[in-house]
N, C-alpha and C. Protein backbone atom coordinates (compact mmCIF):
# COMPACT_ATOMS: atom_id res chain seq x y z
N MET A 1 1.17 -1.17 0.05
CA MET A 1 0.19 0.71 -0.28
C MET A 1 1.22 0.74 -0.20
N LEU A 2 0.38 2.31 -1.27
CA LEU A 2 1.60 3.63 -1.10
C LEU A 2 0.51 3.97 -0.44
N LEU A 3 1.36 4.86 -0.32
CA LEU A 3 0.66 6.90 0.96
C LEU A 3 1.30 7.55 0.36
N SER A 4 0.45 8.41 -0.11
CA SER A 4 0.24 10.36 -0.39
C SER A 4 0.74 10.99 0.38
N GLU A 5 1.57 11.64 0.19
CA GLU A 5 3.07 12.16 0.90
C GLU A 5 1.85 13.01 1.62
N SER A 6 0.93 13.53 1.24
CA SER A 6 -0.08 14.61 2.67
C SER A 6 -0.41 12.81 3.94
N GLN A 7 -0.88 11.66 2.65
CA GLN A 7 -1.58 10.99 3.95
C GLN A 7 0.46 10.41 5.02
N LEU A 8 1.17 10.46 4.63
CA LEU A 8 2.06 10.27 4.75
C LEU A 8 2.51 11.56 6.05
N ARG A 9 2.18 12.84 5.94
CA ARG A 9 2.42 14.09 7.02
C ARG A 9 1.39 13.79 8.09
N ARG A 10 0.74 13.06 7.54
CA ARG A 10 -0.58 13.21 8.61
C ARG A 10 -0.44 11.95 9.56
N THR A 11 0.42 10.60 8.86
CA THR A 11 0.60 10.32 10.35
C THR A 11 1.26 10.15 11.17
N ILE A 12 2.88 11.33 10.68
CA ILE A 12 3.69 11.49 11.17
C ILE A 12 3.97 12.29 11.83
N ARG A 13 2.73 13.14 12.01
CA ARG A 13 2.12 14.64 12.98
C ARG A 13 1.63 13.65 13.72
N LYS A 14 0.51 12.83 13.73
CA LYS A 14 0.17 11.57 14.87
C LYS A 14 1.06 11.06 15.93
N ILE A 15 1.79 10.23 15.23
CA ILE A 15 2.70 9.61 15.54
C ILE A 15 3.67 11.13 15.99
N LEU A 16 3.94 12.05 16.06
CA LEU A 16 4.94 13.04 16.58
C LEU A 16 3.61 13.66 18.05
N LEU A 17 2.92 13.61 17.70
CA LEU A 17 1.88 14.22 18.45
C LEU A 17 1.50 13.23 20.13
N GLU A 18 1.64 11.79 19.84
CA GLU A 18 1.45 11.30 21.30
C GLU A 18 2.80 10.55 21.34
N ASN A 19 3.80 10.82 20.92
CA ASN A 19 4.81 10.45 21.66
C ASN A 19 5.46 12.20 22.83
N ALA A 20 4.58 12.81 22.24
CA ALA A 20 4.71 14.12 22.83
C ALA A 20 3.66 14.13 24.36
N ASP A 21 2.20 13.81 23.75
CA ASP A 21 1.75 13.59 25.04
C ASP A 21 2.73 12.62 25.67
N HIS A 22 2.98 11.16 25.38
CA HIS A 22 3.88 10.26 26.90
C HIS A 22 5.14 10.46 27.74
N PHE A 23 5.11 11.70 26.85
CA PHE A 23 6.21 12.24 27.55
C PHE A 23 6.39 13.62 27.99
N ASN A 24 4.81 14.67 28.15
CA ASN A 24 3.92 15.77 29.44
C ASN A 24 3.70 14.55 30.04
N LYS A 25 2.88 13.16 30.57
CA LYS A 25 2.33 12.52 30.82
C LYS A 25 3.95 11.75 32.04
N LEU A 26 4.79 10.86 31.39
CA LEU A 26 5.44 10.94 31.84
C LEU A 26 6.18 11.44 33.08
N SER A 27 6.35 12.84 32.08
CA SER A 27 7.63 13.67 33.28
C SER A 27 6.93 13.41 34.82
N GLN A 28 5.16 14.86 34.44
CA GLN A 28 4.71 14.38 35.24
C GLN A 28 4.65 13.50 36.63
N LEU A 29 5.04 12.25 35.82
CA LEU A 29 4.23 10.79 36.91
C LEU A 29 5.95 11.49 37.54
N LEU A 30 7.44 11.70 36.68
CA LEU A 30 8.44 12.03 37.34
C LEU A 30 8.98 12.99 38.75
N SER A 31 8.22 13.96 38.09
CA SER A 31 8.03 15.04 39.58
C SER A 31 7.17 14.70 40.71
N SER A 32 6.33 13.39 40.93
CA SER A 32 5.85 13.92 41.74
C SER A 32 6.60 13.94 42.69
N ASP A 33 5.40 14.18 43.96
CA ASP A 33 6.47 13.60 45.66
C ASP A 33 6.35 11.61 46.06
N ASP A 34 5.61 11.47 45.74
CA ASP A 34 5.03 10.24 45.94
C ASP A 34 5.94 8.71 45.34
N TYR A 35 7.06 8.29 46.10
CA TYR A 35 7.45 7.35 45.71
C TYR A 35 7.05 6.45 44.79
N GLU A 36 5.88 5.54 45.08
CA GLU A 36 5.27 4.06 44.93
C GLU A 36 5.01 4.86 43.37
N THR A 37 4.63 6.46 42.63
CA THR A 37 3.97 6.72 41.42
C THR A 37 5.55 6.96 40.58
N ILE A 38 6.62 7.20 41.31
CA ILE A 38 8.36 8.13 40.55
C ILE A 38 8.30 6.04 40.05
N THR A 39 8.09 5.09 40.35
CA THR A 39 8.73 3.74 41.11
C THR A 39 8.11 3.32 39.83
N GLN A 40 6.89 3.40 38.87
CA GLN A 40 5.75 3.17 38.76
C GLN A 40 6.55 3.54 36.31
N ALA A 41 6.87 5.55 37.25
CA ALA A 41 6.97 6.10 36.38
C ALA A 41 8.27 5.61 35.56
N VAL A 42 8.87 4.63 36.18
CA VAL A 42 10.68 5.10 35.99
C VAL A 42 10.88 3.38 35.29
N GLU A 43 9.57 2.47 35.48
CA GLU A 43 9.37 1.10 35.22
C GLU A 43 8.64 1.33 33.67
N LEU A 44 7.83 1.99 33.73
CA LEU A 44 6.73 2.53 32.65
C LEU A 44 8.11 3.52 31.63
N GLY A 45 8.71 4.05 31.83
CA GLY A 45 9.48 4.31 30.42
C GLY A 45 10.63 3.85 29.69
N GLU A 46 10.83 2.63 31.11
CA GLU A 46 11.92 2.01 30.74
C GLU A 46 11.44 1.10 29.45
N THR A 47 10.01 0.68 29.88
CA THR A 47 8.91 -0.63 29.33
C THR A 47 9.21 0.55 27.63
N LEU A 48 8.66 2.05 27.41
CA LEU A 48 8.06 1.77 26.31
C LEU A 48 9.81 2.06 25.68
N GLY A 49 10.74 2.46 25.71
CA GLY A 49 12.12 2.75 25.82
C GLY A 49 12.81 3.69 26.11
N TYR A 50 12.30 5.08 26.83
CA TYR A 50 12.21 6.44 27.22
C TYR A 50 12.95 6.72 27.36
N LEU A 51 13.79 5.78 28.28
CA LEU A 51 14.81 6.42 28.97
C LEU A 51 15.62 4.15 29.58
N GLU A 52 16.45 4.92 30.50
CA GLU A 52 17.20 3.77 30.90
C GLU A 52 17.86 3.83 32.23
N VAL A 53 17.99 3.58 32.95
CA VAL A 53 17.76 3.80 35.00
C VAL A 53 19.45 3.47 34.28
N VAL A 54 20.83 4.30 34.84
CA VAL A 54 21.64 3.91 34.70
C VAL A 54 22.40 3.38 36.17
N ARG A 55 22.00 4.31 37.46
CA ARG A 55 22.40 3.80 38.41
C ARG A 55 20.99 3.82 39.81
N ILE A 56 21.16 3.26 40.60
CA ILE A 56 20.02 3.36 42.36
C ILE A 56 20.82 3.15 43.20
N ASP A 57 20.58 4.05 43.20
CA ASP A 57 21.35 3.70 45.02
C ASP A 57 20.02 4.41 45.93
N VAL A 58 20.83 3.82 47.55
CA VAL A 58 19.84 4.49 48.40
C VAL A 58 20.54 4.89 49.52
N MET A 59 20.41 5.39 50.43
CA MET A 59 21.30 6.72 51.61
C MET A 59 20.07 6.70 52.09
N PRO A 60 20.89 6.74 53.76
CA PRO A 60 20.26 6.86 54.36
C PRO A 60 20.39 9.11 55.05
N SER A 61 18.77 9.27 55.18
CA SER A 61 19.02 10.77 55.52
C SER A 61 18.41 10.20 57.07
N LEU A 62 18.87 11.67 58.01
CA LEU A 62 17.99 11.30 59.42
C LEU A 62 17.20 10.54 59.72
N ASN A 63 16.07 9.82 59.83
CA ASN A 63 15.01 8.97 59.92
C ASN A 63 14.79 8.72 59.13
N GLU A 64 15.23 8.84 57.69
CA GLU A 64 14.48 7.56 57.13
C GLU A 64 15.68 7.72 55.66
N TYR A 65 15.28 6.45 54.59
CA TYR A 65 15.86 6.61 53.30
C TYR A 65 15.85 7.17 52.31
N VAL A 66 16.93 7.97 51.57
CA VAL A 66 16.22 8.40 50.18
C VAL A 66 16.24 7.69 48.57
N LYS A 67 15.69 7.20 48.08
CA LYS A 67 16.59 5.95 46.40
C LYS A 67 16.42 7.25 46.00
N ILE A 68 18.10 7.06 44.91
CA ILE A 68 18.17 8.67 43.99
C ILE A 68 18.37 7.12 42.58
N TRP A 69 17.87 7.65 41.86
CA TRP A 69 17.62 6.70 40.61
C TRP A 69 18.92 7.84 39.57
N LYS A 70 19.62 7.30 38.64
CA LYS A 70 19.58 8.58 37.65
C LYS A 70 19.36 7.48 36.48
N LEU A 71 19.08 7.99 35.73
CA LEU A 71 18.98 7.57 34.37
C LEU A 71 18.76 8.74 33.72
N LYS A 72 19.44 8.07 32.09
CA LYS A 72 19.96 8.52 31.23
C LYS A 72 18.25 8.64 30.30
N LEU A 73 17.96 10.15 29.10
CA LEU A 73 15.95 9.82 28.94
C LEU A 73 16.86 10.29 27.11
N ASN A 74 15.18 10.32 26.97
CA ASN A 74 15.81 10.26 25.49
C ASN A 74 15.51 11.63 24.97
N PRO A 75 16.19 12.31 23.92
CA PRO A 75 16.27 13.17 23.54
C PRO A 75 15.20 13.97 24.20
N GLY A 76 13.69 13.23 23.67
CA GLY A 76 12.06 14.23 23.31
C GLY A 76 11.97 13.81 24.83
N LEU A 77 12.07 13.38 25.87
CA LEU A 77 11.41 12.99 26.99
C LEU A 77 12.68 13.78 28.02
N TYR A 78 13.70 14.38 27.79
CA TYR A 78 14.88 15.23 28.51
C TYR A 78 14.05 17.17 28.26
N SER A 79 13.67 17.07 27.26
CA SER A 79 12.96 17.92 26.49
C SER A 79 11.64 18.54 27.78
N THR A 80 11.14 17.59 27.36
CA THR A 80 9.77 17.46 27.68
C THR A 80 10.17 18.86 30.65
N VAL A 81 11.06 17.28 30.16
CA VAL A 81 10.60 16.98 31.69
C VAL A 81 11.45 19.02 32.48
N LYS A 82 12.90 19.03 30.76
CA LYS A 82 13.25 20.67 31.38
C LYS A 82 11.80 22.32 31.38
N GLN A 83 11.31 21.88 30.74
CA GLN A 83 10.37 22.40 30.82
C GLN A 83 9.29 22.36 31.55
N ILE A 84 9.22 21.16 32.27
CA ILE A 84 7.95 21.12 33.77
C ILE A 84 8.59 20.78 34.32
N LYS A 85 10.16 21.50 35.00
CA LYS A 85 10.83 21.55 36.41
C LYS A 85 10.51 23.08 35.86
N HIS A 86 11.00 23.84 34.93
CA HIS A 86 10.85 25.26 35.50
C HIS A 86 9.08 25.54 36.16
N SER A 87 8.13 25.14 35.39
CA SER A 87 6.88 25.10 35.69
C SER A 87 7.25 24.97 37.61
N LEU A 88 7.53 24.10 37.52
CA LEU A 88 6.72 23.51 39.48
C LEU A 88 7.92 23.72 40.17
N GLY A 89 8.59 24.71 39.44
CA GLY A 89 10.15 25.28 40.88
C GLY A 89 10.68 24.12 41.88
N TYR A 90 10.41 24.47 43.25
CA TYR A 90 11.31 23.50 43.98
C TYR A 90 10.15 22.04 44.37
N ARG A 91 9.13 22.16 43.66
CA ARG A 91 8.74 20.33 43.85
C ARG A 91 8.98 20.14 43.25
N PHE A 92 9.75 20.10 42.19
CA PHE A 92 9.83 19.00 41.42
C PHE A 92 11.72 18.84 41.18
N ARG A 93 11.69 17.26 42.09
CA ARG A 93 12.51 16.18 42.71
C ARG A 93 13.54 16.23 41.20
N LEU A 94 13.77 16.73 40.52
CA LEU A 94 15.03 16.60 39.11
C LEU A 94 16.40 17.79 39.11
N VAL A 95 16.89 16.68 39.43
CA VAL A 95 18.51 18.31 39.01
C VAL A 95 18.76 17.60 37.93
N PRO A 96 18.60 17.83 36.77
CA PRO A 96 19.39 17.71 35.40
C PRO A 96 21.12 17.34 35.24
N ASP A 97 21.53 16.40 34.57
CA ASP A 97 22.58 17.01 34.56
C ASP A 97 23.61 16.35 33.17
N GLU A 98 24.39 16.10 32.81
CA GLU A 98 24.65 16.03 32.20
C GLU A 98 24.50 15.17 30.86
N ASP A 99 24.64 14.46 29.72
CA ASP A 99 24.01 14.32 28.57
C ASP A 99 23.09 14.16 28.59
N ASP A 100 21.66 13.95 29.04
CA ASP A 100 20.34 13.50 29.04
C ASP A 100 20.21 13.02 29.80
N ILE A 101 21.40 13.07 31.22
CA ILE A 101 21.06 12.98 31.98
C ILE A 101 19.84 12.80 33.16
N LEU A 102 18.95 12.50 34.19
CA LEU A 102 18.39 13.10 35.58
C LEU A 102 18.52 12.48 36.84
N THR A 103 18.45 12.87 37.33
CA THR A 103 18.41 12.36 39.28
C THR A 103 16.72 12.38 39.20
N ILE A 104 16.54 11.61 40.64
CA ILE A 104 15.84 12.09 40.84
C ILE A 104 16.52 11.25 42.25
N LEU A 105 14.91 11.93 42.77
CA LEU A 105 15.66 12.55 44.85
C LEU A 105 14.10 11.68 45.47
N ALA A 106 13.77 10.91 46.29
CA ALA A 106 12.39 10.20 46.10
C ALA A 106 12.53 9.51 47.73
N GLU A 107 12.31 10.22 49.13
CA GLU A 107 11.60 9.57 50.16
C GLU A 107 11.38 8.11 49.89
N VAL A 108 11.87 6.95 50.48
CA VAL A 108 12.13 5.36 50.77
C VAL A 108 10.57 4.99 51.86
N PRO A 109 9.96 5.02 51.41
CA PRO A 109 8.85 5.00 52.41
C PRO A 109 8.55 3.51 53.72
């Protein structure tokens, strides 16, 4: 089946919009203050191929523990995360590093 140029453009546009929607939803989940939500977002991002877990650490912090994820994000997701970070301000628990790597901190329940 051959597609006309306009059909091909529509298909590509639809795919790009779907990815952008996934990036927005995943970014919101990653920016959550809830440990379980962040954990699920990391698993979902890995499954969809939008991120890769580089490293996970658990560190003591006062009376609790903090889990630290280092994630390599695909460029589209990284860009969306950076945009959301600016709009959420201090509540956003993502610290941008170099090379599309983000560090997420969350208190372990």
